[in-house]
Amino acid sequence: MTQDADAEFLAAYDPRQYDPVSVTVDVVALTIRDGVLHVLLVQRGAPPFQGRWALPGGFVRAVNDSEDLPDAAARELAEETGLKELGRVHLEQLGTYGGPGRDPRMRVISVAYLAFGPALPDPSAGTDAADAAWVPVTSLGLTAAASQPPGTTRKLAFDHAGILSDGLERARAKLEYTPLATAFLGEEFTIPELRAVYETVWNEELHAGNFHRKVLSVPGFVETTGHSTEHGGRRGGPRAKLYRSGDARLLHPALLRPSQEEDLR
């Protein structure tokens, strides 16, 4: 009975009775280059906001309803980075943005995704972009309210400054209570390399000894590989132990940012 009622309803349904709404995906893609946190930006090659820089993204392909939202985000990231497979790239949904007027063309709702991974390749502008670049996050300001890649005085297009700000805060928070800092590293890493990820993403200096102790005290965070680096440190010290990600999904106790610890006192 329900199927018959649904079929009758859909046969008479006219979507033109409702205002048109489109769906896009935008990706906050982060990686660490030369010890600096970078975000992937593209320069728009066509209106609206032609010439301005923006997060990579685009409309969800609706032909035959064949593309899901995560697939669209992965496609957009692949188009700009050349990655055929995400591999160790972490991809998660960040939030939904649908404020009136965020896109001058029509009512557009964007589902934003956060992505980060180790040593992501040099970007290559997609078909609808004039340029693409990894831009140091520190050059954009903490809130990205006046986001400006090097060589331009233009702000980010659409509401991408706010999306970027949300993505940065999500990444910083995730490092507190999940082991996702390891997604910025290769399969094997040292504790100092892991500490460098935290310092880069949090933009805070950490005490080496305290960090080492805290990491090893969290069950399942990291596990030793039984191997060591080929060479010692810059001062010729002992070779560093190599670790890999453990099986923990949450960190308990969490590794709080120094600024967060101060707020809790």
Protein backbone atom coordinates (compact mmCIF):
# COMPACT_ATOMS: atom_id res chain seq x y z
CA MET A 1 0.00 0.00 0.00
CA THR A 2 2.80 2.41 0.87
CA GLN A 3 4.68 1.67 -2.36
CA ASP A 4 1.55 2.32 -4.43
CA ALA A 5 0.96 5.61 -2.62
CA ASP A 6 4.59 6.65 -3.13
CA ALA A 7 4.44 5.78 -6.83
CA GLU A 8 1.25 7.79 -7.29
CA PHE A 9 2.70 10.76 -5.41
CA LEU A 10 5.97 10.76 -7.38
CA ALA A 11 4.12 10.50 -10.70
CA ALA A 12 2.37 13.78 -9.95
CA TYR A 13 5.29 15.46 -8.16
CA ASP A 14 6.58 18.65 -9.78
CA PRO A 15 9.97 19.81 -8.39
CA ARG A 16 9.49 23.14 -10.17
CA GLN A 17 7.10 24.12 -7.39
CA TYR A 18 10.14 24.70 -5.20
CA ASP A 19 13.03 27.13 -5.48
CA PRO A 20 16.11 25.54 -7.10
CA VAL A 21 18.93 24.62 -4.71
CA SER A 22 22.35 23.30 -5.70
CA VAL A 23 24.88 21.37 -3.63
CA THR A 24 28.64 21.80 -3.75
CA VAL A 25 31.58 20.39 -1.82
CA ASP A 26 34.57 22.40 -0.60
CA VAL A 27 37.78 20.89 0.75
CA VAL A 28 40.09 22.28 3.43
CA ALA A 29 43.22 20.32 2.48
CA LEU A 30 46.17 20.64 4.86
CA THR A 31 49.71 19.32 4.68
CA ILE A 32 53.07 20.14 6.24
CA ARG A 33 55.85 21.38 3.95
CA ASP A 34 59.31 22.26 5.22
CA GLY A 35 57.95 22.31 8.76
CA VAL A 36 55.12 24.75 7.91
CA LEU A 37 51.38 24.03 7.79
CA HIS A 38 49.98 24.72 4.31
CA VAL A 39 46.45 24.85 2.91
CA LEU A 40 45.56 24.16 -0.72
CA LEU A 41 44.01 27.14 -2.54
CA VAL A 42 42.92 27.59 -6.15
CA GLN A 43 42.54 30.78 -8.14
CA ARG A 44 39.16 30.96 -9.78
CA GLY A 45 39.32 31.12 -13.56
CA ALA A 46 35.72 32.22 -14.16
CA PRO A 47 32.98 34.30 -12.51
CA PRO A 48 31.77 34.67 -9.87
CA PHE A 49 34.84 35.95 -8.01
CA GLN A 50 37.06 35.42 -11.04
CA GLY A 51 40.71 35.86 -10.07
CA ARG A 52 40.08 35.38 -6.35
CA TRP A 53 41.53 32.50 -4.39
CA ALA A 54 39.27 29.83 -2.94
CA LEU A 55 39.21 26.39 -1.43
CA PRO A 56 39.09 23.61 -4.02
CA GLY A 57 35.57 22.44 -4.63
CA GLY A 58 32.68 22.32 -7.04
CA PHE A 59 29.18 21.14 -7.75
CA VAL A 60 28.19 17.58 -6.94
CA ARG A 61 27.60 15.65 -10.13
CA ALA A 62 23.89 14.89 -10.27
CA VAL A 63 23.81 12.87 -13.50
CA ASN A 64 21.95 9.65 -12.68
CA ASP A 65 22.50 10.49 -8.98
CA SER A 66 25.79 8.59 -9.23
CA GLU A 67 28.09 10.71 -7.02
CA ASP A 68 27.91 10.73 -3.24
CA LEU A 69 29.28 13.66 -1.24
CA PRO A 70 32.53 11.99 -0.07
CA ASP A 71 33.15 10.87 -3.65
CA ALA A 72 32.74 14.45 -4.86
CA ALA A 73 35.19 15.73 -2.22
CA ALA A 74 37.74 13.05 -3.14
CA ARG A 75 37.31 13.91 -6.84
CA GLU A 76 37.88 17.62 -6.26
CA LEU A 77 40.98 16.91 -4.18
CA ALA A 78 42.32 14.53 -6.83
CA GLU A 79 41.76 17.07 -9.61
CA GLU A 80 43.91 19.68 -7.86
CA THR A 81 46.65 17.42 -6.46
CA GLY A 82 46.85 14.71 -9.11
CA LEU A 83 46.30 12.01 -6.49
CA LYS A 84 44.60 9.03 -8.08
CA GLU A 85 44.15 7.30 -4.73
CA LEU A 86 43.87 9.01 -1.37
CA GLY A 87 46.15 6.47 0.34
CA ARG A 88 47.07 7.85 3.79
CA VAL A 89 45.08 11.05 3.25
CA HIS A 90 42.50 11.52 6.00
CA LEU A 91 39.16 12.84 4.75
CA GLU A 92 36.19 13.70 6.97
CA GLN A 93 33.12 15.89 6.75
CA LEU A 94 33.66 19.27 8.37
CA GLY A 95 30.30 21.00 8.22
CA THR A 96 27.44 22.32 6.09
CA TYR A 97 27.23 25.94 4.95
CA GLY A 98 24.05 27.34 3.48
CA GLY A 99 23.75 30.99 4.38
CA PRO A 100 21.61 33.06 2.00
CA GLY A 101 23.74 35.03 -0.42
CA ARG A 102 26.92 32.99 0.07
CA ASP A 103 26.85 32.37 -3.70
CA PRO A 104 25.55 35.13 -5.99
CA ARG A 105 24.34 32.66 -8.63
CA MET A 106 21.63 30.89 -6.67
CA ARG A 107 20.94 29.25 -3.34
CA VAL A 108 23.93 26.93 -2.94
CA ILE A 109 24.51 24.66 0.03
CA SER A 110 28.09 23.51 0.48
CA VAL A 111 29.20 20.45 2.41
CA ALA A 112 32.79 21.08 3.48
CA TYR A 113 35.39 18.40 4.06
CA LEU A 114 38.67 18.41 5.96
CA ALA A 115 41.60 16.54 4.43
CA PHE A 116 45.20 16.15 5.50
CA GLY A 117 48.04 13.85 4.71
CA PRO A 118 51.82 13.53 4.49
CA ALA A 119 53.85 15.14 1.72
CA LEU A 120 50.96 15.93 -0.60
CA PRO A 121 52.21 16.68 -4.14
CA ASP A 122 52.50 20.03 -5.88
CA PRO A 123 49.04 21.10 -7.05
CA SER A 124 47.96 21.34 -10.66
CA ALA A 125 45.08 23.68 -11.43
CA GLY A 126 41.95 21.90 -12.63
CA THR A 127 39.98 22.79 -15.73
CA ASP A 128 38.02 25.60 -14.04
CA ALA A 129 40.94 27.14 -12.11
CA ALA A 130 43.58 29.61 -13.24
CA ASP A 131 46.16 28.51 -10.68
CA ALA A 132 46.61 26.37 -7.58
CA ALA A 133 49.09 26.64 -4.72
CA TRP A 134 49.96 25.38 -1.27
CA VAL A 135 49.79 28.49 0.91
CA PRO A 136 51.29 28.78 4.43
CA VAL A 137 48.47 29.04 6.94
CA THR A 138 50.45 31.55 9.00
CA SER A 139 50.34 33.96 6.05
CA LEU A 140 46.56 34.02 6.21
CA GLY A 141 46.00 35.04 9.83
CA LEU A 142 44.51 32.87 12.57
CA THR A 143 40.93 33.55 11.59
CA ALA A 144 41.61 33.78 7.84
CA ALA A 145 39.32 36.81 7.84
CA ALA A 146 41.54 38.53 5.29
CA SER A 147 42.99 35.45 3.63
CA GLN A 148 45.65 36.42 1.15
CA PRO A 149 47.96 34.03 -0.68
CA PRO A 150 51.40 35.45 -1.48
CA GLY A 151 51.31 37.96 -4.30
CA THR A 152 47.65 38.87 -4.07
CA THR A 153 45.58 41.33 -2.04
CA ARG A 154 42.27 39.59 -2.71
CA LYS A 155 40.24 37.92 0.00
CA LEU A 156 39.00 34.38 -0.36
CA ALA A 157 35.92 33.89 -2.52
CA PHE A 158 32.47 33.08 -1.16
CA ASP A 159 32.52 32.30 2.59
CA HIS A 160 35.66 30.21 2.32
CA ALA A 161 37.53 32.27 4.92
CA GLY A 162 35.09 31.09 7.57
CA ILE A 163 35.19 27.49 6.32
CA LEU A 164 38.99 27.55 6.44
CA SER A 165 38.93 28.92 9.98
CA ASP A 166 36.55 26.14 11.03
CA GLY A 167 38.75 23.54 9.37
CA LEU A 168 41.87 24.74 11.16
CA GLU A 169 40.16 24.62 14.53
CA ARG A 170 38.80 21.14 13.80
CA ALA A 171 42.28 19.89 12.89
CA ARG A 172 43.80 21.41 16.03
CA ALA A 173 41.11 19.89 18.22
CA LYS A 174 41.34 16.46 16.58
CA LEU A 175 45.02 16.29 17.49
CA GLU A 176 44.08 16.64 21.15
CA TYR A 177 41.87 13.58 21.46
CA THR A 178 42.59 11.39 18.39
CA PRO A 179 45.81 9.94 16.90
CA LEU A 180 45.28 11.71 13.58
CA ALA A 181 48.54 13.64 13.91
CA THR A 182 50.12 10.47 12.52
CA ALA A 183 48.23 11.08 9.25
CA PHE A 184 50.67 13.94 8.58
CA LEU A 185 53.58 11.46 8.74
CA GLY A 186 54.82 8.43 6.86
CA GLU A 187 54.36 4.84 7.95
CA GLU A 188 57.28 5.14 10.40
CA PHE A 189 58.27 8.19 12.40
CA THR A 190 60.15 9.35 15.44
CA ILE A 191 58.65 11.02 18.50
CA PRO A 192 60.40 14.31 17.63
CA GLU A 193 58.80 14.17 14.17
CA LEU A 194 55.41 13.59 15.80
CA ARG A 195 56.03 16.50 18.17
CA ALA A 196 56.85 18.70 15.18
CA VAL A 197 53.40 17.96 13.74
CA TYR A 198 51.72 19.06 16.96
CA GLU A 199 53.82 22.21 17.17
CA THR A 200 53.13 23.08 13.54
CA VAL A 201 49.38 22.54 13.61
CA TRP A 202 48.89 24.06 17.06
CA ASN A 203 51.43 26.82 16.38
CA GLU A 204 52.73 26.31 19.93
CA GLU A 205 56.11 25.15 21.22
CA LEU A 206 56.04 21.98 23.31
CA HIS A 207 58.43 20.66 25.94
CA ALA A 208 60.24 17.74 24.32
CA GLY A 209 60.54 15.58 27.42
CA ASN A 210 56.97 16.10 28.58
CA PHE A 211 55.61 15.39 25.11
CA HIS A 212 57.63 12.18 24.81
CA ARG A 213 56.35 11.00 28.19
CA LYS A 214 52.72 11.87 27.43
CA VAL A 215 52.73 10.13 24.03
CA LEU A 216 54.12 6.88 25.41
CA SER A 217 51.67 6.97 28.33
CA VAL A 218 48.60 6.92 26.04
CA PRO A 219 47.58 3.30 25.38
CA GLY A 220 47.49 2.42 21.69
CA PHE A 221 48.65 5.83 20.43
CA VAL A 222 51.96 4.64 18.95
CA GLU A 223 53.89 1.41 18.98
CA THR A 224 57.57 0.74 18.35
CA THR A 225 58.59 -0.85 15.07
CA GLY A 226 61.77 -2.31 16.54
CA HIS A 227 63.81 -0.16 14.16
CA SER A 228 65.82 3.02 14.59
CA THR A 229 66.91 5.86 12.35
CA GLU A 230 70.09 5.26 10.37
CA HIS A 231 71.83 8.23 11.95
CA GLY A 232 71.69 10.09 15.23
CA GLY A 233 70.65 13.68 15.71
CA ARG A 234 72.48 16.74 14.43
CA ARG A 235 74.82 16.57 17.41
CA GLY A 236 75.77 12.96 16.75
CA GLY A 237 73.62 11.50 19.53
CA PRO A 238 72.09 8.04 19.62
CA ARG A 239 69.80 6.87 16.83
CA ALA A 240 66.12 7.58 17.44
CA LYS A 241 63.55 4.81 17.78
CA LEU A 242 60.97 4.51 15.02
CA TYR A 243 57.27 4.21 15.78
CA ARG A 244 54.05 3.61 13.86
CA SER A 245 50.39 4.30 14.57
CA GLY A 246 48.78 2.09 17.18
CA ASP A 247 45.22 0.81 17.24
CA ALA A 248 43.72 3.56 19.42
CA ARG A 249 40.89 5.61 17.95
CA LEU A 250 40.70 8.04 20.86
CA LEU A 251 43.50 9.31 23.09
CA HIS A 252 42.95 8.82 26.79
CA PRO A 253 44.27 10.85 28.43
CA ALA A 254 44.01 13.53 25.76
CA LEU A 255 46.99 15.66 24.72
CA LEU A 256 45.73 19.16 25.43
CA ARG A 257 47.19 22.24 23.81
CA PRO A 258 49.23 24.30 26.30
CA SER A 259 46.79 27.16 25.83
CA GLN A 260 43.89 24.81 26.60
CA GLU A 261 45.60 23.54 29.71
CA GLU A 262 46.00 27.13 30.91
CA ASP A 263 42.25 27.70 30.42
CA LEU A 264 41.45 24.67 32.59
CA ARG A 265 43.51 25.88 35.55
